[in-house]
Amino acid sequence: MRALLLAAGIGSRLRPITNTIPKCLVPINGKPLLEYWLKNLSEAGIDEFLINTHHLHVQVEEFIESSKYRDKITLVYEKKLLNTGSTLLTNRAFFDNEPFMLVHADNLSFCDFGKFINAHKNRPNNCDITMMLFKSDNPSSCGIVELDNRGIVQEFYEKVKNPPSNLANGAVYICEASLFDFLECLDKKEIDFSNDVLPKYLGKINTYFNNTYHRDIGTIESYALSQIEVLKQN
């Protein structure tokens, strides 16, 4: 299976750290965030990675060049920052018409990624996406989901003031290649995954609950917490 690691973001909420370090390379206990993803997913059997770059892209390129995973990695520089769906569609050929993993690499996850992959392989009929879920300590900052008794997403609340629960979208997915046809049919230059794609797939999104560890490294506070929490995972 191949994976897209989204690593191009500016990381404005993490300033001033991201003024000089790309968000995907912020160190957590001395190890760049992107390194965790490459290690964990390689161990789960992901054999090729596409990583998009934009902000401070030269630093990301230098990191990959010195990485032991460099032979598995294809870098694509976005002169103008694209939305998630647009990045996918632009790089459709990379995925070779096979299921793929889609990861917002400004998150940090520990779990049994092999079980996540198997959850997608054994998904209910008519589900084209499997979404990783976690319990958020700040649900109003997340996309919150409501599930049926099979674990299929029925409702999605993107960063609402009073969400109905703390069961949140981890922004880590496994998708079928059929998603590309849907993206093309949207006929849009900029495709936002949360707003343009997920609402159209309600009733067709399988889920996998990560009960080990997941955090959005999106703010100074969450970044500081991750430094402590990751010690407990190792």
Protein backbone atom coordinates (compact mmCIF):
# COMPACT_ATOMS: atom_id res chain seq x y z
CA MET A 1 0.00 0.00 0.00
CA ARG A 2 1.13 3.56 -0.74
CA ALA A 3 0.57 6.63 1.41
CA LEU A 4 0.32 10.38 0.98
CA LEU A 5 1.82 12.27 3.92
CA LEU A 6 0.52 15.83 3.82
CA ALA A 7 3.43 17.94 5.01
CA ALA A 8 3.14 21.25 3.17
CA GLY A 9 1.28 23.35 5.72
CA ILE A 10 2.55 26.65 7.08
CA GLY A 11 1.68 25.83 10.69
CA SER A 12 0.53 29.33 11.59
CA ARG A 13 -0.84 28.24 15.00
CA LEU A 14 2.62 26.95 15.95
CA ARG A 15 4.41 30.23 15.37
CA PRO A 16 7.07 31.31 16.24
CA ILE A 17 8.40 27.73 16.07
CA THR A 18 7.28 27.32 12.46
CA ASN A 19 8.89 30.58 11.39
CA THR A 20 12.13 28.61 11.10
CA ILE A 21 11.09 24.93 11.16
CA PRO A 22 8.45 23.35 8.91
CA LYS A 23 5.60 21.94 10.94
CA CYS A 24 6.22 18.39 9.78
CA LEU A 25 9.76 18.53 11.21
CA VAL A 26 9.10 19.98 14.66
CA PRO A 27 11.02 17.81 17.12
CA ILE A 28 9.15 15.67 19.61
CA ASN A 29 11.58 14.28 22.16
CA GLY A 30 14.38 14.91 19.71
CA LYS A 31 12.80 13.18 16.72
CA PRO A 32 11.11 15.06 13.83
CA LEU A 33 7.36 14.52 13.62
CA LEU A 34 7.65 13.17 10.08
CA GLU A 35 10.12 10.54 11.26
CA TYR A 36 7.46 8.98 13.50
CA TRP A 37 5.12 8.57 10.53
CA LEU A 38 7.77 7.08 8.26
CA LYS A 39 8.86 4.58 10.92
CA ASN A 40 5.39 3.55 12.10
CA LEU A 41 3.89 3.17 8.64
CA SER A 42 6.93 1.39 7.19
CA GLU A 43 6.67 -1.16 10.00
CA ALA A 44 2.99 -1.63 9.09
CA GLY A 45 3.89 -2.47 5.47
CA ILE A 46 3.56 0.87 3.67
CA ASP A 47 6.18 0.58 0.94
CA GLU A 48 5.98 3.92 -0.91
CA PHE A 49 5.34 7.45 0.31
CA LEU A 50 4.37 10.63 -1.48
CA ILE A 51 5.16 13.74 0.57
CA ASN A 52 4.03 17.18 -0.54
CA THR A 53 6.06 20.23 0.46
CA HIS A 54 5.65 23.99 0.41
CA HIS A 55 6.64 25.95 3.53
CA LEU A 56 10.42 25.80 4.13
CA HIS A 57 10.51 22.97 1.61
CA VAL A 58 14.31 22.88 1.36
CA GLN A 59 14.52 21.71 4.98
CA VAL A 60 12.11 18.86 4.24
CA GLU A 61 14.10 17.90 1.16
CA GLU A 62 17.32 17.82 3.18
CA PHE A 63 15.67 15.72 5.88
CA ILE A 64 14.43 13.18 3.33
CA GLU A 65 17.80 13.04 1.59
CA SER A 66 19.43 11.95 4.85
CA SER A 67 16.60 9.60 5.87
CA LYS A 68 16.96 5.83 5.76
CA TYR A 69 13.51 5.80 4.13
CA ARG A 70 14.55 8.06 1.21
CA ASP A 71 14.33 5.27 -1.39
CA LYS A 72 10.64 4.83 -0.51
CA ILE A 73 9.81 8.53 -0.82
CA THR A 74 8.67 10.73 -3.68
CA LEU A 75 8.62 14.45 -2.96
CA VAL A 76 6.32 16.87 -4.75
CA TYR A 77 6.75 20.60 -4.28
CA GLU A 78 3.62 22.76 -4.39
CA LYS A 79 4.55 26.29 -5.44
CA LYS A 80 1.03 27.28 -4.47
CA LEU A 81 -0.34 25.40 -1.48
CA LEU A 82 -3.11 23.03 -2.57
CA ASN A 83 -5.99 21.66 -0.55
CA THR A 84 -5.99 17.97 0.35
CA GLY A 85 -8.35 16.84 -2.39
CA SER A 86 -6.49 18.84 -5.01
CA THR A 87 -3.14 17.37 -3.94
CA LEU A 88 -4.62 13.89 -4.28
CA LEU A 89 -6.09 14.51 -7.71
CA THR A 90 -2.95 16.20 -9.03
CA ASN A 91 -0.89 13.14 -8.04
CA ARG A 92 -3.41 10.46 -9.02
CA ALA A 93 -0.90 8.49 -11.10
CA PHE A 94 1.31 7.85 -8.07
CA PHE A 95 -1.33 5.64 -6.45
CA ASP A 96 -1.53 3.23 -9.40
CA ASN A 97 -5.29 2.72 -9.03
CA GLU A 98 -4.84 0.93 -5.68
CA PRO A 99 -6.17 1.63 -2.16
CA PHE A 100 -3.99 4.14 -0.33
CA MET A 101 -3.46 5.79 3.04
CA LEU A 102 -4.01 9.53 3.42
CA VAL A 103 -2.31 11.12 6.44
CA HIS A 104 -2.28 14.67 7.75
CA ALA A 105 1.27 14.48 9.01
CA ASP A 106 0.85 17.37 11.45
CA ASN A 107 -0.83 14.82 13.72
CA LEU A 108 0.97 12.20 15.76
CA SER A 109 -0.47 8.71 16.13
CA PHE A 110 0.57 5.53 17.82
CA CYS A 111 -1.57 2.46 17.26
CA ASP A 112 -1.54 -0.91 15.56
CA PHE A 113 -1.52 0.36 11.99
CA GLY A 114 -1.76 -3.22 10.75
CA LYS A 115 -5.16 -3.47 12.44
CA PHE A 116 -6.14 -0.17 10.85
CA ILE A 117 -5.30 -1.58 7.42
CA ASN A 118 -7.19 -4.79 8.20
CA ALA A 119 -10.20 -2.76 9.33
CA HIS A 120 -10.33 -1.31 5.84
CA LYS A 121 -9.85 -4.67 4.15
CA ASN A 122 -12.74 -6.10 6.20
CA ARG A 123 -14.96 -3.00 5.93
CA PRO A 124 -18.71 -3.27 5.35
CA ASN A 125 -19.98 -3.27 1.78
CA ASN A 126 -20.29 0.09 0.03
CA CYS A 127 -17.69 1.81 2.22
CA ASP A 128 -14.93 3.47 0.20
CA ILE A 129 -13.11 5.18 3.09
CA THR A 130 -11.94 4.05 6.53
CA MET A 131 -11.41 6.91 8.98
CA MET A 132 -9.25 6.77 12.10
CA LEU A 133 -11.09 8.04 15.18
CA PHE A 134 -9.91 9.16 18.60
CA LYS A 135 -11.38 10.81 21.69
CA SER A 136 -10.50 14.49 21.70
CA ASP A 137 -9.86 16.62 24.77
CA ASN A 138 -10.91 19.67 22.71
CA PRO A 139 -13.78 18.47 20.50
CA SER A 140 -14.84 21.92 19.28
CA SER A 141 -11.52 22.13 17.42
CA CYS A 142 -12.09 18.82 15.59
CA GLY A 143 -14.41 17.14 13.16
CA ILE A 144 -16.81 15.15 15.36
CA VAL A 145 -18.63 12.09 14.04
CA GLU A 146 -21.80 10.18 14.82
CA LEU A 147 -21.84 6.47 13.97
CA ASP A 148 -24.43 3.77 13.44
CA ASN A 149 -24.20 0.40 15.18
CA ARG A 150 -21.80 -0.89 12.50
CA GLY A 151 -19.34 1.96 13.07
CA ILE A 152 -20.28 3.76 9.84
CA VAL A 153 -20.22 7.57 9.86
CA GLN A 154 -23.74 9.00 9.65
CA GLU A 155 -23.11 12.63 10.62
CA PHE A 156 -20.07 14.89 10.59
CA TYR A 157 -19.66 18.15 12.52
CA GLU A 158 -16.60 20.14 11.44
CA LYS A 159 -15.31 22.38 14.28
CA VAL A 160 -18.71 23.37 15.69
CA LYS A 161 -19.16 25.27 18.95
CA ASN A 162 -21.12 22.59 20.83
CA PRO A 163 -20.31 19.21 19.29
CA PRO A 164 -22.47 16.23 20.32
CA SER A 165 -19.52 14.15 21.59
CA ASN A 166 -15.72 13.94 21.71
CA LEU A 167 -15.42 11.15 19.14
CA ALA A 168 -13.25 12.85 16.55
CA ASN A 169 -11.87 12.38 13.06
CA GLY A 170 -8.11 11.80 13.30
CA ALA A 171 -7.51 12.96 9.70
CA VAL A 172 -5.89 9.62 8.88
CA TYR A 173 -7.72 7.60 6.22
CA ILE A 174 -7.51 4.59 3.97
CA CYS A 175 -9.29 5.23 0.67
CA GLU A 176 -10.29 3.21 -2.35
CA ALA A 177 -9.03 4.37 -5.74
CA SER A 178 -12.65 5.06 -6.74
CA LEU A 179 -12.30 8.28 -4.73
CA PHE A 180 -10.37 9.80 -7.63
CA ASP A 181 -13.36 9.55 -9.96
CA PHE A 182 -15.45 11.39 -7.38
CA LEU A 183 -12.80 14.12 -7.06
CA GLU A 184 -12.75 14.59 -10.82
CA CYS A 185 -16.54 14.86 -10.95
CA LEU A 186 -16.43 17.79 -8.53
CA ASP A 187 -14.77 19.79 -11.33
CA LYS A 188 -13.11 22.17 -8.85
CA LYS A 189 -9.60 23.59 -8.76
CA GLU A 190 -9.50 23.58 -4.95
CA ILE A 191 -10.99 20.59 -3.16
CA ASP A 192 -11.26 20.62 0.62
CA PHE A 193 -11.45 17.07 1.96
CA SER A 194 -13.46 17.88 5.10
CA ASN A 195 -16.01 20.10 3.39
CA ASP A 196 -16.19 18.86 -0.20
CA VAL A 197 -15.61 15.12 0.24
CA LEU A 198 -16.55 13.73 3.64
CA PRO A 199 -20.14 15.10 3.71
CA LYS A 200 -20.79 13.39 0.36
CA TYR A 201 -19.57 10.06 1.73
CA LEU A 202 -21.83 9.87 4.79
CA GLY A 203 -23.03 6.29 5.13
CA LYS A 204 -19.96 5.07 3.21
CA ILE A 205 -17.17 5.81 5.72
CA ASN A 206 -15.98 2.90 7.84
CA THR A 207 -14.14 3.71 11.09
CA TYR A 208 -11.25 2.46 13.19
CA PHE A 209 -10.89 3.67 16.78
CA ASN A 210 -7.35 4.50 17.88
CA ASN A 211 -7.37 3.88 21.62
CA THR A 212 -3.59 4.15 21.98
CA TYR A 213 -2.56 7.73 21.18
CA HIS A 214 -3.46 10.51 18.78
CA ARG A 215 -2.84 14.25 18.99
CA ASP A 216 -3.04 17.14 16.55
CA ILE A 217 0.28 18.95 16.95
CA GLY A 218 -1.45 22.17 15.95
CA THR A 219 -0.90 24.62 18.80
CA ILE A 220 1.89 25.49 21.20
CA GLU A 221 -0.13 23.89 24.01
CA SER A 222 -0.71 20.60 22.17
CA TYR A 223 2.91 20.54 21.06
CA ALA A 224 4.07 20.92 24.67
CA LEU A 225 1.71 18.16 25.81
CA SER A 226 3.03 15.81 23.13
CA GLN A 227 6.55 16.09 24.53
CA ILE A 228 5.30 14.58 27.80
CA GLU A 229 2.79 12.13 26.39
CA VAL A 230 5.14 10.53 23.87
CA LEU A 231 7.48 9.48 26.69
CA LYS A 232 4.68 7.23 27.95
CA GLN A 233 4.37 5.54 24.52
CA ASN A 234 8.03 4.54 24.27
